[in-house]
Amino acid sequence: MAPVVPWPVAFMGIDRPESMASVVVWLALLALLVLLVRWRRRSRTRKPPGRPHGTTLGSALSGVRERLESVWSRTSGSAAAWQEMEEELISTDMGVRAARRIVEVVRETAVAGADEIRPVVRAELNRILAGYDRDLHLTGTPSIVVLVGVNGTGKTTTVAKLASRLLAAGRQPLIGGADTFRPAADTQLRVWADRLAVPLVSGTRGADPASVAYDALQAARARGADVLIVDTAGRLHTSHNLMEELAKLVRVLGRDGDRVSEVLLVMDATTGQSGLAQARRFAEVGVTGVVLTKLDGTAKGGVVLAIEDELSLPVKFVGVGEGSGDLLPFDGPAFVDALLGAA
């Protein structure tokens, strides 16, 4: 009686053991090749957490730097020249007060030409940006960090970038998704949380944001997370009710004796001076620092000086790309070098 041949083998016309072994080997090699191709694709697109890989500040601010150099090279000491310099500085979004102060310092030193003006401006900018506490203060267990801001500033992406930085520093973050009004926010957070392998606690659509934030705090305690990062819904700073809701969320997080370590205002750098009005209103809910996003786009950068000079709020981080590692601690001298060119 002839041996029974399994139908897949018979279908392929293989009726000998050595032929079957050959097919198995080829199938194994094919599977290995597929896995290798997929690994190479992922390794090309994957970006390591906590490391910058987007546009650098120097390249982002190159246009501003070139315009300033052009103005300074033509400076002759005339009233028209000083006016042109002031207007160019204002165009960087640094504000009228800071621009006038810089021009006045340059006039008093009686310098002319880009090579002489640049170090004077550098010294004044460094002076304006000095003396701010830019550290991310993480106190308590878990430490609580709340991100706030208007719609479209990049809060949700910033939450993920901050979680990535904390992971790289050996921390164990948990994300609280308290934006219960925008369905896409929860989806976006889940994608990031899965990618970073960070636990996420969120609520149903329309749920009370303060309750969701409190549930996330309880979960952080239960799971042993040492940092809770809370994403809040974007809101217009002119809406009294929405701002009161935000203040309630911060109060609820601190009602069991906990202390909210940081309330970070996420601002879009491309909004320029209009962002100052936002910052003034959000400061009323206890903002401790600013995250300035989208400096890799059309931002002019000078708004950093306006925020700190007029509102006394430290810029703690800047976003220079869309990857998880594109959140950089703000460094005053490095920013001045990016704006004016290295000394």
C-alpha atoms as a PDB file:
ATOM      1  CA  MET A   1       0.000   0.000   0.000  1.00  0.00           C
ATOM      2  CA  ALA A   2       1.408   3.410  -1.034  1.00  0.00           C
ATOM      3  CA  PRO A   3       2.151   5.834   1.821  1.00  0.00           C
ATOM      4  CA  VAL A   4      -0.386   8.588   2.436  1.00  0.00           C
ATOM      5  CA  VAL A   5       0.985  11.980   1.344  1.00  0.00           C
ATOM      6  CA  PRO A   6      -0.453  15.101   3.067  1.00  0.00           C
ATOM      7  CA  TRP A   7      -2.543  17.126   0.657  1.00  0.00           C
ATOM      8  CA  PRO A   8      -0.369  20.297   0.778  1.00  0.00           C
ATOM      9  CA  VAL A   9       2.630  18.206  -0.167  1.00  0.00           C
ATOM     10  CA  ALA A  10       0.714  16.411  -2.903  1.00  0.00           C
ATOM     11  CA  PHE A  11      -0.655  19.745  -4.156  1.00  0.00           C
ATOM     12  CA  MET A  12       2.892  21.074  -4.588  1.00  0.00           C
ATOM     13  CA  GLY A  13       3.951  17.911  -6.341  1.00  0.00           C
ATOM     14  CA  ILE A  14       6.331  16.855  -3.569  1.00  0.00           C
ATOM     15  CA  ASP A  15       6.273  13.158  -2.877  1.00  0.00           C
ATOM     16  CA  ARG A  16       9.782  12.558  -1.558  1.00  0.00           C
ATOM     17  CA  PRO A  17      11.148  13.408   1.921  1.00  0.00           C
ATOM     18  CA  GLU A  18      14.242  15.090   0.500  1.00  0.00           C
ATOM     19  CA  SER A  19      12.048  17.348  -1.655  1.00  0.00           C
ATOM     20  CA  MET A  20       9.960  18.299   1.361  1.00  0.00           C
ATOM     21  CA  ALA A  21      13.092  19.142   3.363  1.00  0.00           C
ATOM     22  CA  SER A  22      14.269  21.381   0.554  1.00  0.00           C
ATOM     23  CA  VAL A  23      10.959  23.257   0.525  1.00  0.00           C
ATOM     24  CA  VAL A  24      11.070  23.690   4.308  1.00  0.00           C
ATOM     25  CA  VAL A  25      14.552  25.165   4.052  1.00  0.00           C
ATOM     26  CA  TRP A  26      13.487  27.567   1.317  1.00  0.00           C
ATOM     27  CA  LEU A  27      10.399  28.629   3.269  1.00  0.00           C
ATOM     28  CA  ALA A  28      12.527  29.276   6.354  1.00  0.00           C
ATOM     29  CA  LEU A  29      14.955  31.377   4.313  1.00  0.00           C
ATOM     30  CA  LEU A  30      12.053  33.335   2.808  1.00  0.00           C
ATOM     31  CA  ALA A  31      10.579  34.036   6.267  1.00  0.00           C
ATOM     32  CA  LEU A  32      13.994  35.160   7.497  1.00  0.00           C
ATOM     33  CA  LEU A  33      14.339  37.494   4.514  1.00  0.00           C
ATOM     34  CA  VAL A  34      10.906  39.031   5.195  1.00  0.00           C
ATOM     35  CA  LEU A  35      11.824  39.614   8.851  1.00  0.00           C
ATOM     36  CA  LEU A  36      15.142  41.190   7.835  1.00  0.00           C
ATOM     37  CA  VAL A  37      13.451  43.600   5.416  1.00  0.00           C
ATOM     38  CA  ARG A  38      10.906  44.636   8.050  1.00  0.00           C
ATOM     39  CA  TRP A  39      13.652  45.169  10.642  1.00  0.00           C
ATOM     40  CA  ARG A  40      15.657  47.372   8.259  1.00  0.00           C
ATOM     41  CA  ARG A  41      12.603  49.499   7.476  1.00  0.00           C
ATOM     42  CA  ARG A  42      11.835  50.013  11.167  1.00  0.00           C
ATOM     43  CA  SER A  43      15.447  50.773  12.038  1.00  0.00           C
ATOM     44  CA  ARG A  44      15.549  53.472   9.367  1.00  0.00           C
ATOM     45  CA  THR A  45      12.427  55.230  10.617  1.00  0.00           C
ATOM     46  CA  ARG A  46      12.722  54.628  14.346  1.00  0.00           C
ATOM     47  CA  LYS A  47      14.157  57.541  16.306  1.00  0.00           C
ATOM     48  CA  PRO A  48      15.805  56.966  19.659  1.00  0.00           C
ATOM     49  CA  PRO A  49      14.024  58.452  22.688  1.00  0.00           C
ATOM     50  CA  GLY A  50      15.560  61.388  24.445  1.00  0.00           C
ATOM     51  CA  ARG A  51      17.938  62.340  21.650  1.00  0.00           C
ATOM     52  CA  PRO A  52      17.509  65.325  19.318  1.00  0.00           C
ATOM     53  CA  HIS A  53      17.160  64.466  15.655  1.00  0.00           C
ATOM     54  CA  GLY A  54      15.083  67.283  14.222  1.00  0.00           C
ATOM     55  CA  THR A  55      15.980  70.708  12.961  1.00  0.00           C
ATOM     56  CA  THR A  56      18.625  72.419  15.072  1.00  0.00           C
ATOM     57  CA  LEU A  57      18.029  75.859  16.528  1.00  0.00           C
ATOM     58  CA  GLY A  58      20.875  77.211  14.425  1.00  0.00           C
ATOM     59  CA  SER A  59      19.254  76.209  11.156  1.00  0.00           C
ATOM     60  CA  ALA A  60      15.764  77.175  12.344  1.00  0.00           C
ATOM     61  CA  LEU A  61      16.892  80.732  13.127  1.00  0.00           C
ATOM     62  CA  SER A  62      19.256  81.169  10.187  1.00  0.00           C
ATOM     63  CA  GLY A  63      16.907  83.535   8.338  1.00  0.00           C
ATOM     64  CA  VAL A  64      16.669  85.885  11.310  1.00  0.00           C
ATOM     65  CA  ARG A  65      20.432  85.791  11.756  1.00  0.00           C
ATOM     66  CA  GLU A  66      21.052  86.735   8.119  1.00  0.00           C
ATOM     67  CA  ARG A  67      18.664  89.709   8.254  1.00  0.00           C
ATOM     68  CA  LEU A  68      20.235  91.054  11.430  1.00  0.00           C
ATOM     69  CA  GLU A  69      23.710  90.729   9.939  1.00  0.00           C
ATOM     70  CA  SER A  70      22.559  92.643   6.883  1.00  0.00           C
ATOM     71  CA  VAL A  71      21.186  95.503   9.000  1.00  0.00           C
ATOM     72  CA  TRP A  72      24.256  95.684  11.225  1.00  0.00           C
ATOM     73  CA  SER A  73      26.619  95.781   8.266  1.00  0.00           C
ATOM     74  CA  ARG A  74      24.865  98.951   7.076  1.00  0.00           C
ATOM     75  CA  THR A  75      24.685 100.670  10.460  1.00  0.00           C
ATOM     76  CA  SER A  76      26.237 104.127  10.222  1.00  0.00           C
ATOM     77  CA  GLY A  77      25.101 105.679  13.489  1.00  0.00           C
ATOM     78  CA  SER A  78      22.299 107.723  11.930  1.00  0.00           C
ATOM     79  CA  ALA A  79      18.808 107.927  13.386  1.00  0.00           C
ATOM     80  CA  ALA A  80      17.471 106.015  10.385  1.00  0.00           C
ATOM     81  CA  ALA A  81      19.961 103.212  10.981  1.00  0.00           C
ATOM     82  CA  TRP A  82      18.969 102.838  14.632  1.00  0.00           C
ATOM     83  CA  GLN A  83      15.301 102.825  13.627  1.00  0.00           C
ATOM     84  CA  GLU A  84      15.953 100.091  11.071  1.00  0.00           C
ATOM     85  CA  MET A  85      17.763  98.001  13.673  1.00  0.00           C
ATOM     86  CA  GLU A  86      14.907  98.382  16.138  1.00  0.00           C
ATOM     87  CA  GLU A  87      12.349  97.372  13.529  1.00  0.00           C
ATOM     88  CA  GLU A  88      14.380  94.306  12.554  1.00  0.00           C
ATOM     89  CA  LEU A  89      14.694  93.245  16.182  1.00  0.00           C
ATOM     90  CA  ILE A  90      10.965  93.735  16.734  1.00  0.00           C
ATOM     91  CA  SER A  91      10.307  91.591  13.662  1.00  0.00           C
ATOM     92  CA  THR A  92      11.933  88.660  15.499  1.00  0.00           C
ATOM     93  CA  ASP A  93       8.976  88.802  17.960  1.00  0.00           C
ATOM     94  CA  MET A  94      11.109  89.839  20.916  1.00  0.00           C
ATOM     95  CA  GLY A  95       8.818  92.770  21.708  1.00  0.00           C
ATOM     96  CA  VAL A  96       9.241  96.523  21.612  1.00  0.00           C
ATOM     97  CA  ARG A  97      10.695  96.840  25.111  1.00  0.00           C
ATOM     98  CA  ALA A  98      13.542  94.379  24.575  1.00  0.00           C
ATOM     99  CA  ALA A  99      14.296  95.701  21.085  1.00  0.00           C
ATOM    100  CA  ARG A 100      14.559  99.294  22.270  1.00  0.00           C
ATOM    101  CA  ARG A 101      16.766  98.298  25.165  1.00  0.00           C
ATOM    102  CA  ILE A 102      19.187  96.485  22.856  1.00  0.00           C
ATOM    103  CA  VAL A 103      19.358  99.396  20.408  1.00  0.00           C
ATOM    104  CA  GLU A 104      19.984 101.817  23.263  1.00  0.00           C
ATOM    105  CA  VAL A 105      22.855  99.686  24.568  1.00  0.00           C
ATOM    106  CA  VAL A 106      24.413  99.553  21.095  1.00  0.00           C
ATOM    107  CA  ARG A 107      24.081 103.321  20.666  1.00  0.00           C
ATOM    108  CA  GLU A 108      25.697 103.989  24.033  1.00  0.00           C
ATOM    109  CA  THR A 109      28.721 101.856  23.174  1.00  0.00           C
ATOM    110  CA  ALA A 110      29.181 103.804  19.912  1.00  0.00           C
ATOM    111  CA  VAL A 111      29.983 100.728  17.843  1.00  0.00           C
ATOM    112  CA  ALA A 112      29.318 100.236  14.130  1.00  0.00           C
ATOM    113  CA  GLY A 113      29.378  97.342  11.713  1.00  0.00           C
ATOM    114  CA  ALA A 114      28.349  93.738  12.278  1.00  0.00           C
ATOM    115  CA  ASP A 115      31.635  92.644  13.860  1.00  0.00           C
ATOM    116  CA  GLU A 116      31.398  95.326  16.554  1.00  0.00           C
ATOM    117  CA  ILE A 117      27.644  95.258  17.100  1.00  0.00           C
ATOM    118  CA  ARG A 118      27.266  91.474  17.368  1.00  0.00           C
ATOM    119  CA  PRO A 119      29.195  90.995  20.663  1.00  0.00           C
ATOM    120  CA  VAL A 120      27.360  93.927  22.269  1.00  0.00           C
ATOM    121  CA  VAL A 121      23.973  92.468  21.333  1.00  0.00           C
ATOM    122  CA  ARG A 122      25.119  89.012  22.433  1.00  0.00           C
ATOM    123  CA  ALA A 123      26.067  90.302  25.890  1.00  0.00           C
ATOM    124  CA  GLU A 124      22.731  92.108  26.306  1.00  0.00           C
ATOM    125  CA  LEU A 125      20.677  89.086  25.184  1.00  0.00           C
ATOM    126  CA  ASN A 126      22.560  86.817  27.565  1.00  0.00           C
ATOM    127  CA  ARG A 127      21.930  89.304  30.351  1.00  0.00           C
ATOM    128  CA  ILE A 128      18.169  89.331  29.627  1.00  0.00           C
ATOM    129  CA  LEU A 129      18.004  85.519  29.586  1.00  0.00           C
ATOM    130  CA  ALA A 130      20.162  84.995  32.667  1.00  0.00           C
ATOM    131  CA  GLY A 131      18.912  84.213  36.152  1.00  0.00           C
ATOM    132  CA  TYR A 132      15.949  81.977  35.321  1.00  0.00           C
ATOM    133  CA  ASP A 133      15.414  78.551  36.860  1.00  0.00           C
ATOM    134  CA  ARG A 134      14.944  76.293  33.832  1.00  0.00           C
ATOM    135  CA  ASP A 135      15.121  72.941  35.617  1.00  0.00           C
ATOM    136  CA  LEU A 136      12.175  70.561  35.508  1.00  0.00           C
ATOM    137  CA  HIS A 137      11.331  70.211  39.193  1.00  0.00           C
ATOM    138  CA  LEU A 138       9.965  66.780  40.063  1.00  0.00           C
ATOM    139  CA  THR A 139       8.876  66.661  43.699  1.00  0.00           C
ATOM    140  CA  GLY A 140       6.676  64.119  45.451  1.00  0.00           C
ATOM    141  CA  THR A 141       5.872  60.539  44.593  1.00  0.00           C
ATOM    142  CA  PRO A 142       4.564  60.613  42.024  1.00  0.00           C
ATOM    143  CA  SER A 143       5.658  64.007  40.746  1.00  0.00           C
ATOM    144  CA  ILE A 144       2.830  65.735  38.879  1.00  0.00           C
ATOM    145  CA  VAL A 145       3.355  67.683  35.653  1.00  0.00           C
ATOM    146  CA  VAL A 146       0.361  69.310  33.929  1.00  0.00           C
ATOM    147  CA  LEU A 147       0.534  70.637  30.366  1.00  0.00           C
ATOM    148  CA  VAL A 148      -1.804  73.471  29.382  1.00  0.00           C
ATOM    149  CA  GLY A 149      -2.313  75.767  26.416  1.00  0.00           C
ATOM    150  CA  VAL A 150      -4.607  76.806  23.585  1.00  0.00           C
ATOM    151  CA  ASN A 151      -5.655  74.532  20.730  1.00  0.00           C
ATOM    152  CA  GLY A 152      -3.067  73.471  18.197  1.00  0.00           C
ATOM    153  CA  THR A 153       0.103  74.290  20.118  1.00  0.00           C
ATOM    154  CA  GLY A 154       1.314  70.681  20.226  1.00  0.00           C
ATOM    155  CA  LYS A 155       0.454  69.733  23.830  1.00  0.00           C
ATOM    156  CA  THR A 156      -0.273  66.073  23.145  1.00  0.00           C
ATOM    157  CA  THR A 157       2.930  65.580  21.155  1.00  0.00           C
ATOM    158  CA  THR A 158       4.845  67.430  23.867  1.00  0.00           C
ATOM    159  CA  VAL A 159       3.435  65.021  26.477  1.00  0.00           C
ATOM    160  CA  ALA A 160       4.925  62.134  24.492  1.00  0.00           C
ATOM    161  CA  LYS A 161       8.266  63.905  24.032  1.00  0.00           C
ATOM    162  CA  LEU A 162       8.460  64.655  27.748  1.00  0.00           C
ATOM    163  CA  ALA A 163       7.641  61.036  28.590  1.00  0.00           C
ATOM    164  CA  SER A 164      10.417  59.966  26.236  1.00  0.00           C
ATOM    165  CA  ARG A 165      12.927  62.249  27.975  1.00  0.00           C
ATOM    166  CA  LEU A 166      11.906  60.926  31.375  1.00  0.00           C
ATOM    167  CA  LEU A 167      12.258  57.329  30.208  1.00  0.00           C
ATOM    168  CA  ALA A 168      15.748  58.075  28.925  1.00  0.00           C
ATOM    169  CA  ALA A 169      16.573  59.533  32.352  1.00  0.00           C
ATOM    170  CA  GLY A 170      15.503  56.324  34.089  1.00  0.00           C
ATOM    171  CA  ARG A 171      12.107  57.577  35.266  1.00  0.00           C
ATOM    172  CA  GLN A 172       8.822  55.672  35.151  1.00  0.00           C
ATOM    173  CA  PRO A 173       6.164  58.037  33.788  1.00  0.00           C
ATOM    174  CA  LEU A 174       2.438  57.494  33.478  1.00  0.00           C
ATOM    175  CA  ILE A 175       0.309  59.616  31.146  1.00  0.00           C
ATOM    176  CA  GLY A 176      -3.088  60.966  32.134  1.00  0.00           C
ATOM    177  CA  GLY A 177      -5.281  61.841  29.169  1.00  0.00           C
ATOM    178  CA  ALA A 178      -7.556  64.560  30.564  1.00  0.00           C
ATOM    179  CA  ASP A 179      -8.468  65.957  27.136  1.00  0.00           C
ATOM    180  CA  THR A 180     -11.946  64.418  27.013  1.00  0.00           C
ATOM    181  CA  PHE A 181     -13.337  66.794  24.397  1.00  0.00           C
ATOM    182  CA  ARG A 182     -11.216  65.964  21.354  1.00  0.00           C
ATOM    183  CA  PRO A 183     -11.603  62.281  20.319  1.00  0.00           C
ATOM    184  CA  ALA A 184      -8.365  62.370  18.354  1.00  0.00           C
ATOM    185  CA  ALA A 185      -6.426  63.347  21.478  1.00  0.00           C
ATOM    186  CA  ASP A 186      -7.020  59.969  23.143  1.00  0.00           C
ATOM    187  CA  THR A 187      -6.153  58.113  19.944  1.00  0.00           C
ATOM    188  CA  GLN A 188      -2.978  60.139  19.490  1.00  0.00           C
ATOM    189  CA  LEU A 189      -1.924  59.574  23.089  1.00  0.00           C
ATOM    190  CA  ARG A 190      -2.549  55.822  22.825  1.00  0.00           C
ATOM    191  CA  VAL A 191      -0.342  55.587  19.744  1.00  0.00           C
ATOM    192  CA  TRP A 192       2.470  57.398  21.553  1.00  0.00           C
ATOM    193  CA  ALA A 193       1.953  55.444  24.780  1.00  0.00           C
ATOM    194  CA  ASP A 194       2.146  52.125  22.925  1.00  0.00           C
ATOM    195  CA  ARG A 195       5.217  53.253  21.016  1.00  0.00           C
ATOM    196  CA  LEU A 196       7.014  54.323  24.184  1.00  0.00           C
ATOM    197  CA  ALA A 197       5.609  51.479  26.327  1.00  0.00           C
ATOM    198  CA  VAL A 198       4.270  54.011  28.842  1.00  0.00           C
ATOM    199  CA  PRO A 199       0.976  53.331  30.702  1.00  0.00           C
ATOM    200  CA  LEU A 200      -1.944  55.612  29.853  1.00  0.00           C
ATOM    201  CA  VAL A 201      -5.079  56.391  31.854  1.00  0.00           C
ATOM    202  CA  SER A 202      -7.817  58.298  30.032  1.00  0.00           C
ATOM    203  CA  GLY A 203     -11.552  58.853  30.316  1.00  0.00           C
ATOM    204  CA  THR A 204     -14.596  58.578  28.115  1.00  0.00           C
ATOM    205  CA  ARG A 205     -15.545  61.433  25.854  1.00  0.00           C
ATOM    206  CA  GLY A 206     -17.151  64.262  27.785  1.00  0.00           C
ATOM    207  CA  ALA A 207     -15.988  63.001  31.179  1.00  0.00           C
ATOM    208  CA  ASP A 208     -14.956  65.516  33.829  1.00  0.00           C
ATOM    209  CA  PRO A 209     -11.253  66.269  33.126  1.00  0.00           C
ATOM    210  CA  ALA A 210     -10.480  66.763  36.828  1.00  0.00           C
ATOM    211  CA  SER A 211     -11.906  63.301  37.643  1.00  0.00           C
ATOM    212  CA  VAL A 212      -9.861  61.712  34.874  1.00  0.00           C
ATOM    213  CA  ALA A 213      -6.715  63.446  36.139  1.00  0.00           C
ATOM    214  CA  TYR A 214      -7.415  62.224  39.685  1.00  0.00           C
ATOM    215  CA  ASP A 215      -7.975  58.649  38.442  1.00  0.00           C
ATOM    216  CA  ALA A 216      -4.636  58.866  36.637  1.00  0.00           C
ATOM    217  CA  LEU A 217      -2.983  59.998  39.869  1.00  0.00           C
ATOM    218  CA  GLN A 218      -4.441  57.033  41.740  1.00  0.00           C
ATOM    219  CA  ALA A 219      -3.242  54.696  38.986  1.00  0.00           C
ATOM    220  CA  ALA A 220       0.242  56.206  39.114  1.00  0.00           C
ATOM    221  CA  ARG A 221       0.406  55.463  42.836  1.00  0.00           C
ATOM    222  CA  ALA A 222      -0.886  51.917  42.392  1.00  0.00           C
ATOM    223  CA  ARG A 223       1.536  51.101  39.569  1.00  0.00           C
ATOM    224  CA  GLY A 224       4.576  52.666  41.154  1.00  0.00           C
ATOM    225  CA  ALA A 225       5.029  55.376  38.517  1.00  0.00           C
ATOM    226  CA  ASP A 226       7.212  58.219  39.748  1.00  0.00           C
ATOM    227  CA  VAL A 227       5.973  60.916  37.341  1.00  0.00           C
ATOM    228  CA  LEU A 228       2.406  61.656  36.239  1.00  0.00           C
ATOM    229  CA  ILE A 229       2.138  63.731  33.041  1.00  0.00           C
ATOM    230  CA  VAL A 230      -1.356  65.144  32.498  1.00  0.00           C
ATOM    231  CA  ASP A 231      -2.506  66.247  29.048  1.00  0.00           C
ATOM    232  CA  THR A 232      -5.335  68.804  29.154  1.00  0.00           C
ATOM    233  CA  ALA A 233      -7.725  69.984  26.470  1.00  0.00           C
ATOM    234  CA  GLY A 234      -6.752  73.028  24.462  1.00  0.00           C
ATOM    235  CA  ARG A 235      -8.794  76.060  25.406  1.00  0.00           C
ATOM    236  CA  LEU A 236      -9.051  79.697  24.510  1.00  0.00           C
ATOM    237  CA  HIS A 237      -7.513  81.832  27.212  1.00  0.00           C
ATOM    238  CA  THR A 238     -10.458  84.222  26.808  1.00  0.00           C
ATOM    239  CA  SER A 239     -12.996  81.609  27.987  1.00  0.00           C
ATOM    240  CA  HIS A 240     -13.578  82.150  31.703  1.00  0.00           C
ATOM    241  CA  ASN A 241     -15.411  78.852  32.231  1.00  0.00           C
ATOM    242  CA  LEU A 242     -12.717  76.769  30.537  1.00  0.00           C
ATOM    243  CA  MET A 243      -9.983  78.493  32.498  1.00  0.00           C
ATOM    244  CA  GLU A 244     -11.890  77.831  35.718  1.00  0.00           C
ATOM    245  CA  GLU A 245     -12.164  74.175  34.717  1.00  0.00           C
ATOM    246  CA  LEU A 246      -8.399  74.072  34.321  1.00  0.00           C
ATOM    247  CA  ALA A 247      -7.862  75.669  37.727  1.00  0.00           C
ATOM    248  CA  LYS A 248     -10.199  73.035  39.213  1.00  0.00           C
ATOM    249  CA  LEU A 249      -8.131  70.242  37.674  1.00  0.00           C
ATOM    250  CA  VAL A 250      -4.958  71.582  39.272  1.00  0.00           C
ATOM    251  CA  ARG A 251      -6.726  71.927  42.651  1.00  0.00           C
ATOM    252  CA  VAL A 252      -8.083  68.364  42.515  1.00  0.00           C
ATOM    253  CA  LEU A 253      -4.627  66.946  41.829  1.00  0.00           C
ATOM    254  CA  GLY A 254      -3.399  68.621  44.985  1.00  0.00           C
ATOM    255  CA  ARG A 255      -6.309  67.914  47.309  1.00  0.00           C
ATOM    256  CA  ASP A 256      -4.799  64.813  48.990  1.00  0.00           C
ATOM    257  CA  GLY A 257      -1.734  66.669  50.099  1.00  0.00           C
ATOM    258  CA  ASP A 258       0.040  66.214  46.774  1.00  0.00           C
ATOM    259  CA  ARG A 259       1.735  69.144  45.158  1.00  0.00           C
ATOM    260  CA  VAL A 260       1.671  69.780  41.419  1.00  0.00           C
ATOM    261  CA  SER A 261       5.374  70.053  40.592  1.00  0.00           C
ATOM    262  CA  GLU A 262       5.068  71.836  37.255  1.00  0.00           C
ATOM    263  CA  VAL A 263       2.330  73.475  35.207  1.00  0.00           C
ATOM    264  CA  LEU A 264       3.900  73.927  31.773  1.00  0.00           C
ATOM    265  CA  LEU A 265       2.340  76.270  29.231  1.00  0.00           C
ATOM    266  CA  VAL A 266       2.836  74.895  25.712  1.00  0.00           C
ATOM    267  CA  MET A 267       3.102  77.776  23.243  1.00  0.00           C
ATOM    268  CA  ASP A 268       3.407  77.768  19.471  1.00  0.00           C
ATOM    269  CA  ALA A 269       6.491  79.852  18.629  1.00  0.00           C
ATOM    270  CA  THR A 270       5.001  80.819  15.277  1.00  0.00           C
ATOM    271  CA  THR A 271       2.238  82.847  16.967  1.00  0.00           C
ATOM    272  CA  GLY A 272       4.796  85.461  18.021  1.00  0.00           C
ATOM    273  CA  GLN A 273       3.589  88.364  20.117  1.00  0.00           C
ATOM    274  CA  SER A 274      -0.027  87.158  20.181  1.00  0.00           C
ATOM    275  CA  GLY A 275       1.183  84.341  22.409  1.00  0.00           C
ATOM    276  CA  LEU A 276       1.933  86.834  25.181  1.00  0.00           C
ATOM    277  CA  ALA A 277      -1.769  87.425  25.800  1.00  0.00           C
ATOM    278  CA  GLN A 278      -2.228  83.669  26.160  1.00  0.00           C
ATOM    279  CA  ALA A 279       0.666  83.424  28.592  1.00  0.00           C
ATOM    280  CA  ARG A 280      -0.655  86.248  30.779  1.00  0.00           C
ATOM    281  CA  ARG A 281      -4.007  84.500  31.231  1.00  0.00           C
ATOM    282  CA  PHE A 282      -2.637  81.005  31.744  1.00  0.00           C
ATOM    283  CA  ALA A 283      -0.191  82.338  34.325  1.00  0.00           C
ATOM    284  CA  GLU A 284      -3.224  82.795  36.581  1.00  0.00           C
ATOM    285  CA  VAL A 285      -3.589  78.994  36.969  1.00  0.00           C
ATOM    286  CA  GLY A 286      -0.093  78.692  38.373  1.00  0.00           C
ATOM    287  CA  VAL A 287       2.057  78.204  35.268  1.00  0.00           C
ATOM    288  CA  THR A 288       5.665  77.519  36.303  1.00  0.00           C
ATOM    289  CA  GLY A 289       7.331  77.491  32.892  1.00  0.00           C
ATOM    290  CA  VAL A 290       6.915  77.492  29.135  1.00  0.00           C
ATOM    291  CA  VAL A 291       7.482  74.889  26.426  1.00  0.00           C
ATOM    292  CA  LEU A 292       7.988  76.663  23.105  1.00  0.00           C
ATOM    293  CA  THR A 293       7.070  74.410  20.178  1.00  0.00           C
ATOM    294  CA  LYS A 294       7.534  74.545  16.395  1.00  0.00           C
ATOM    295  CA  LEU A 295      10.858  76.338  16.403  1.00  0.00           C
ATOM    296  CA  ASP A 296      11.723  74.184  13.391  1.00  0.00           C
ATOM    297  CA  GLY A 297       9.145  75.959  11.248  1.00  0.00           C
ATOM    298  CA  THR A 298       8.561  79.625  10.488  1.00  0.00           C
ATOM    299  CA  ALA A 299       9.121  80.794  14.065  1.00  0.00           C
ATOM    300  CA  LYS A 300      11.369  83.810  14.501  1.00  0.00           C
ATOM    301  CA  GLY A 301      12.543  82.882  17.978  1.00  0.00           C
ATOM    302  CA  GLY A 302      12.585  86.305  19.579  1.00  0.00           C
ATOM    303  CA  VAL A 303       9.360  85.555  21.453  1.00  0.00           C
ATOM    304  CA  VAL A 304      11.582  83.745  24.002  1.00  0.00           C
ATOM    305  CA  LEU A 305      12.881  87.132  25.139  1.00  0.00           C
ATOM    306  CA  ALA A 306       9.408  88.653  25.200  1.00  0.00           C
ATOM    307  CA  ILE A 307       8.053  85.848  27.395  1.00  0.00           C
ATOM    308  CA  GLU A 308      10.851  86.103  29.906  1.00  0.00           C
ATOM    309  CA  ASP A 309      11.366  89.855  29.807  1.00  0.00           C
ATOM    310  CA  GLU A 310       7.710  90.853  30.062  1.00  0.00           C
ATOM    311  CA  LEU A 311       6.155  87.923  31.962  1.00  0.00           C
ATOM    312  CA  SER A 312       9.109  86.591  33.982  1.00  0.00           C
ATOM    313  CA  LEU A 313       8.195  83.027  32.985  1.00  0.00           C
ATOM    314  CA  PRO A 314      11.159  80.759  32.230  1.00  0.00           C
ATOM    315  CA  VAL A 315      11.244  78.897  28.933  1.00  0.00           C
ATOM    316  CA  LYS A 316      12.162  75.346  30.007  1.00  0.00           C
ATOM    317  CA  PHE A 317      11.962  73.380  26.772  1.00  0.00           C
ATOM    318  CA  VAL A 318      11.829  74.012  23.037  1.00  0.00           C
ATOM    319  CA  GLY A 319      10.396  71.727  20.382  1.00  0.00           C
ATOM    320  CA  VAL A 320      12.430  71.455  17.168  1.00  0.00           C
ATOM    321  CA  GLY A 321      10.719  68.555  15.381  1.00  0.00           C
ATOM    322  CA  GLU A 322       8.009  65.900  15.474  1.00  0.00           C
ATOM    323  CA  GLY A 323      10.050  62.981  16.810  1.00  0.00           C
ATOM    324  CA  SER A 324      10.037  61.728  20.379  1.00  0.00           C
ATOM    325  CA  GLY A 325      13.545  63.107  20.920  1.00  0.00           C
ATOM    326  CA  ASP A 326      12.875  66.569  19.506  1.00  0.00           C
ATOM    327  CA  LEU A 327      12.245  68.268  22.842  1.00  0.00           C
ATOM    328  CA  LEU A 328      15.350  70.114  24.020  1.00  0.00           C
ATOM    329  CA  PRO A 329      16.026  71.789  27.357  1.00  0.00           C
ATOM    330  CA  PHE A 330      16.230  75.518  26.705  1.00  0.00           C
ATOM    331  CA  ASP A 331      19.716  76.927  27.111  1.00  0.00           C
ATOM    332  CA  GLY A 332      20.035  80.725  27.032  1.00  0.00           C
ATOM    333  CA  PRO A 333      23.607  81.044  25.690  1.00  0.00           C
ATOM    334  CA  ALA A 334      22.997  78.295  23.117  1.00  0.00           C
ATOM    335  CA  PHE A 335      19.858  80.094  21.954  1.00  0.00           C
ATOM    336  CA  VAL A 336      21.759  83.387  21.613  1.00  0.00           C
ATOM    337  CA  ASP A 337      24.450  81.580  19.611  1.00  0.00           C
ATOM    338  CA  ALA A 338      21.750  80.145  17.334  1.00  0.00           C
ATOM    339  CA  LEU A 339      20.230  83.588  16.864  1.00  0.00           C
ATOM    340  CA  LEU A 340      23.470  85.497  16.297  1.00  0.00           C
ATOM    341  CA  GLY A 341      25.929  82.807  15.267  1.00  0.00           C
ATOM    342  CA  ALA A 342      28.579  81.229  17.490  1.00  0.00           C
ATOM    343  CA  ALA A 343      30.978  83.600  19.178  1.00  0.00           C
END
